Each structure stands twice: as C-alpha cells, then as structure tokens.
C-alpha cells in the first residue's frame, strides 16, 4: 500500500485502501500497523489539525480492529 508523508510528531506516513477499508500507519519508530476503518475516518484523519491527536482519540482508542505489520 502506498503511503503519503504526514506532518506529525508520532506518524511518518498514512495509506488507505478503499476496497478493503484498510488504513495503514507508519510511526516514527518504524512500526507499521493496519486498522479497519471507514473511508470517512481516513478523510477526517487527513484533514485533522493534529494527525497524531486524531489518530489516538478517534482510531487507536476507538476500538477498531488492527494488526501489526512490522
């Protein structure tokens, strides 16, 4: 999955696959996780004034299914 670079103190890149509703995030640590989220959540993440803050409150802590990729 292709990722775009983001301006964040915790995330480096974000990708999204609309067919599988899969959000992929790469952290500054190099860890990559995939989350099952609707397209609206991805759009809201990319539009957020704080991408890391939105990720933590609306994705990580929201109970979405996830898998660690690396």
C-alpha atoms as a PDB file:
ATOM      1  CA  UNK A   1       0.000   0.000   0.000  1.00  0.00           C
ATOM      2  CA  UNK A   2       1.319   3.422  -0.900  1.00  0.00           C
ATOM      3  CA  UNK A   3       1.632   5.897   1.941  1.00  0.00           C
ATOM      4  CA  UNK A   4       1.780   9.666   1.904  1.00  0.00           C
ATOM      5  CA  UNK A   5       4.077  11.512   4.271  1.00  0.00           C
ATOM      6  CA  UNK A   6       2.336  13.443   7.019  1.00  0.00           C
ATOM      7  CA  UNK A   7       3.393  16.210   9.370  1.00  0.00           C
ATOM      8  CA  UNK A   8       3.152  14.691  12.832  1.00  0.00           C
ATOM      9  CA  UNK A   9       5.303  14.112  15.887  1.00  0.00           C
ATOM     10  CA  UNK A  10       4.245  10.459  16.028  1.00  0.00           C
ATOM     11  CA  UNK A  11       3.381   9.353  12.481  1.00  0.00           C
ATOM     12  CA  UNK A  12       5.535   9.354   9.343  1.00  0.00           C
ATOM     13  CA  UNK A  13       3.102   8.099   6.717  1.00  0.00           C
ATOM     14  CA  UNK A  14      -0.526   7.169   6.138  1.00  0.00           C
ATOM     15  CA  UNK A  15      -2.066   4.992   3.433  1.00  0.00           C
ATOM     16  CA  UNK A  16      -5.618   3.877   2.729  1.00  0.00           C
ATOM     17  CA  UNK A  17      -7.148   1.129   0.603  1.00  0.00           C
ATOM     18  CA  UNK A  18     -10.805   1.910  -0.102  1.00  0.00           C
ATOM     19  CA  UNK A  19     -11.592  -1.590  -1.407  1.00  0.00           C
ATOM     20  CA  UNK A  20     -10.647  -3.232   1.893  1.00  0.00           C
ATOM     21  CA  UNK A  21     -11.287  -0.204   4.156  1.00  0.00           C
ATOM     22  CA  UNK A  22      -7.750  -0.580   5.493  1.00  0.00           C
ATOM     23  CA  UNK A  23      -5.799   2.291   6.999  1.00  0.00           C
ATOM     24  CA  UNK A  24      -2.044   1.791   7.221  1.00  0.00           C
ATOM     25  CA  UNK A  25       0.032   3.990   9.504  1.00  0.00           C
ATOM     26  CA  UNK A  26       3.787   4.141   9.901  1.00  0.00           C
ATOM     27  CA  UNK A  27       5.101   5.509  13.167  1.00  0.00           C
ATOM     28  CA  UNK A  28       8.336   7.411  13.676  1.00  0.00           C
ATOM     29  CA  UNK A  29       9.634   4.273  15.428  1.00  0.00           C
ATOM     30  CA  UNK A  30       9.318   2.406  12.122  1.00  0.00           C
ATOM     31  CA  UNK A  31       6.413   0.240  13.294  1.00  0.00           C
ATOM     32  CA  UNK A  32       3.587  -0.192  10.770  1.00  0.00           C
ATOM     33  CA  UNK A  33       0.007  -1.028  11.735  1.00  0.00           C
ATOM     34  CA  UNK A  34      -3.145  -1.586   9.705  1.00  0.00           C
ATOM     35  CA  UNK A  35      -6.595  -0.644  11.008  1.00  0.00           C
ATOM     36  CA  UNK A  36     -10.017  -1.442   9.585  1.00  0.00           C
ATOM     37  CA  UNK A  37     -11.718   1.967   9.363  1.00  0.00           C
ATOM     38  CA  UNK A  38     -14.356   3.534   7.108  1.00  0.00           C
ATOM     39  CA  UNK A  39     -13.276   5.971   4.394  1.00  0.00           C
ATOM     40  CA  UNK A  40     -14.776   8.893   6.359  1.00  0.00           C
ATOM     41  CA  UNK A  41     -12.407   8.228   9.264  1.00  0.00           C
ATOM     42  CA  UNK A  42      -9.428   8.259   6.901  1.00  0.00           C
ATOM     43  CA  UNK A  43     -10.628  11.540   5.367  1.00  0.00           C
ATOM     44  CA  UNK A  44     -11.108  13.076   8.811  1.00  0.00           C
ATOM     45  CA  UNK A  45      -7.625  11.915   9.847  1.00  0.00           C
ATOM     46  CA  UNK A  46      -6.013  13.531   6.832  1.00  0.00           C
ATOM     47  CA  UNK A  47      -7.939  16.788   7.424  1.00  0.00           C
ATOM     48  CA  UNK A  48      -7.216  16.959  11.160  1.00  0.00           C
ATOM     49  CA  UNK A  49      -5.155  19.840  12.515  1.00  0.00           C
ATOM     50  CA  UNK A  50      -3.346  17.273  14.692  1.00  0.00           C
ATOM     51  CA  UNK A  51      -2.987  13.974  12.847  1.00  0.00           C
ATOM     52  CA  UNK A  52      -1.407  12.236  15.839  1.00  0.00           C
ATOM     53  CA  UNK A  53      -4.062  13.532  18.218  1.00  0.00           C
ATOM     54  CA  UNK A  54      -6.888  12.484  15.906  1.00  0.00           C
ATOM     55  CA  UNK A  55      -5.289   9.076  15.408  1.00  0.00           C
ATOM     56  CA  UNK A  56      -5.012   8.496  19.157  1.00  0.00           C
ATOM     57  CA  UNK A  57      -8.507   9.655  20.066  1.00  0.00           C
ATOM     58  CA  UNK A  58     -10.545   8.515  17.063  1.00  0.00           C
ATOM     59  CA  UNK A  59      -8.735   5.405  15.815  1.00  0.00           C
ATOM     60  CA  UNK A  60      -6.328   3.856  18.332  1.00  0.00           C
ATOM     61  CA  UNK A  61      -8.619   4.378  21.324  1.00  0.00           C
ATOM     62  CA  UNK A  62     -11.859   3.817  19.389  1.00  0.00           C
ATOM     63  CA  UNK A  63     -11.619   0.021  19.302  1.00  0.00           C
ATOM     64  CA  UNK A  64     -11.012  -0.564  15.604  1.00  0.00           C
ATOM     65  CA  UNK A  65      -9.510  -3.929  14.642  1.00  0.00           C
ATOM     66  CA  UNK A  66      -5.791  -3.705  13.922  1.00  0.00           C
ATOM     67  CA  UNK A  67      -2.751  -5.775  13.037  1.00  0.00           C
ATOM     68  CA  UNK A  68       0.928  -5.023  13.412  1.00  0.00           C
ATOM     69  CA  UNK A  69       2.698  -5.359  10.079  1.00  0.00           C
ATOM     70  CA  UNK A  70       6.278  -4.629  11.212  1.00  0.00           C
END
